[in-house]
Amino acid sequence: MPAPATRRSASTKTSAPAKAAAPAKRKPAAKKAAAAATPSVPRDAVIARLAYAFAESRGFAPGRELDDWLAAEARYEVMPEGERLTVL
């Protein structure tokens, strides 16, 4: 007499395979092209040029170099990107 077939109970089912990690989102090609087309100006170069202009406006009197640099940094932070290009 053949042995009865065994059945798995519902509690012994194998778990579903883990989902693979979602691929990283990519920037659309248009955004990459626009970012590449906009020239980037080195921050320190713009600040140095502004600091020089501040020093020049006060006759290059010694002892205020740090003040000129800090004023140039503050000015840089509020400058529109397009205006930064014209400083150099």
Protein backbone atom coordinates (compact mmCIF):
# COMPACT_ATOMS: atom_id res chain seq x y z
CA MET A 1 0.00 0.00 0.00
CA PRO A 2 1.47 3.39 -0.96
CA ALA A 3 2.14 5.99 1.75
CA PRO A 4 -0.29 8.91 1.88
CA ALA A 5 0.92 12.13 0.31
CA THR A 6 1.96 14.75 2.82
CA ARG A 7 0.79 18.29 2.54
CA ARG A 8 2.48 21.43 3.76
CA SER A 9 0.51 23.41 6.23
CA ALA A 10 -0.20 27.07 5.54
CA SER A 11 2.24 28.12 8.26
CA THR A 12 5.26 26.46 6.60
CA LYS A 13 5.04 28.31 3.28
CA THR A 14 8.28 29.87 2.16
CA SER A 15 8.45 33.63 2.39
CA ALA A 16 8.36 35.76 -0.72
CA PRO A 17 11.74 36.83 -2.01
CA ALA A 18 12.90 40.23 -0.79
CA LYS A 19 12.29 43.07 -3.18
CA ALA A 20 15.34 44.41 -4.93
CA ALA A 21 16.37 47.94 -4.05
CA ALA A 22 14.82 50.53 -6.32
CA PRO A 23 17.30 52.06 -8.76
CA ALA A 24 18.50 55.56 -7.91
CA LYS A 25 16.50 58.33 -9.54
CA ARG A 26 18.33 60.15 -12.28
CA LYS A 27 18.10 63.81 -13.18
CA PRO A 28 16.35 64.43 -16.46
CA ALA A 29 18.74 65.11 -19.32
CA ALA A 30 17.36 68.64 -19.73
CA LYS A 31 18.38 69.60 -16.19
CA LYS A 32 21.87 68.20 -16.70
CA ALA A 33 22.26 70.11 -19.95
CA ALA A 34 21.05 73.35 -18.35
CA ALA A 35 23.42 72.93 -15.42
CA ALA A 36 26.33 72.27 -17.77
CA ALA A 37 25.46 75.30 -19.91
CA THR A 38 25.50 77.71 -16.94
CA PRO A 39 29.08 78.74 -16.32
CA SER A 40 30.19 78.39 -12.76
CA VAL A 41 32.21 81.17 -11.18
CA PRO A 42 34.62 80.31 -8.38
CA ARG A 43 33.28 81.84 -5.18
CA ASP A 44 36.63 83.00 -3.85
CA ALA A 45 37.54 84.66 -7.14
CA VAL A 46 34.40 86.80 -7.05
CA ILE A 47 34.88 87.64 -3.37
CA ALA A 48 38.53 88.59 -3.94
CA ARG A 49 37.55 90.92 -6.79
CA LEU A 50 34.82 92.52 -4.65
CA ALA A 51 37.21 92.92 -1.70
CA TYR A 52 39.72 94.61 -4.01
CA ALA A 53 37.04 97.00 -5.23
CA PHE A 54 36.09 97.86 -1.62
CA ALA A 55 39.76 98.48 -0.75
CA GLU A 56 40.19 100.60 -3.86
CA SER A 57 37.15 102.69 -2.99
CA ARG A 58 38.70 103.60 0.37
CA GLY A 59 42.11 104.40 -1.13
CA PHE A 60 43.82 101.14 -0.06
CA ALA A 61 44.29 102.45 3.48
CA PRO A 62 45.97 99.65 5.48
CA GLY A 63 44.37 97.80 8.37
CA ARG A 64 40.91 97.17 6.92
CA GLU A 65 41.64 94.16 4.71
CA LEU A 66 39.56 91.75 6.80
CA ASP A 67 36.64 94.19 6.80
CA ASP A 68 36.87 94.39 3.01
CA TRP A 69 36.85 90.59 2.70
CA LEU A 70 33.90 90.16 5.07
CA ALA A 71 31.93 92.88 3.29
CA ALA A 72 32.68 91.18 -0.02
CA GLU A 73 31.44 87.83 1.33
CA ALA A 74 28.23 89.46 2.53
CA ARG A 75 27.73 91.13 -0.85
CA TYR A 76 28.39 87.84 -2.67
CA GLU A 77 25.66 86.06 -0.70
CA VAL A 78 22.95 88.48 -1.87
CA MET A 79 24.19 88.79 -5.47
CA PRO A 80 22.13 87.18 -8.23
CA GLU A 81 24.04 84.49 -10.15
CA GLY A 82 24.07 86.53 -13.35
CA GLU A 83 25.67 89.49 -11.61
CA ARG A 84 28.45 87.27 -10.25
CA LEU A 85 29.51 86.60 -13.82
CA THR A 86 29.98 90.30 -14.50
CA VAL A 87 32.33 90.84 -11.53
CA LEU A 88 35.12 88.89 -13.15
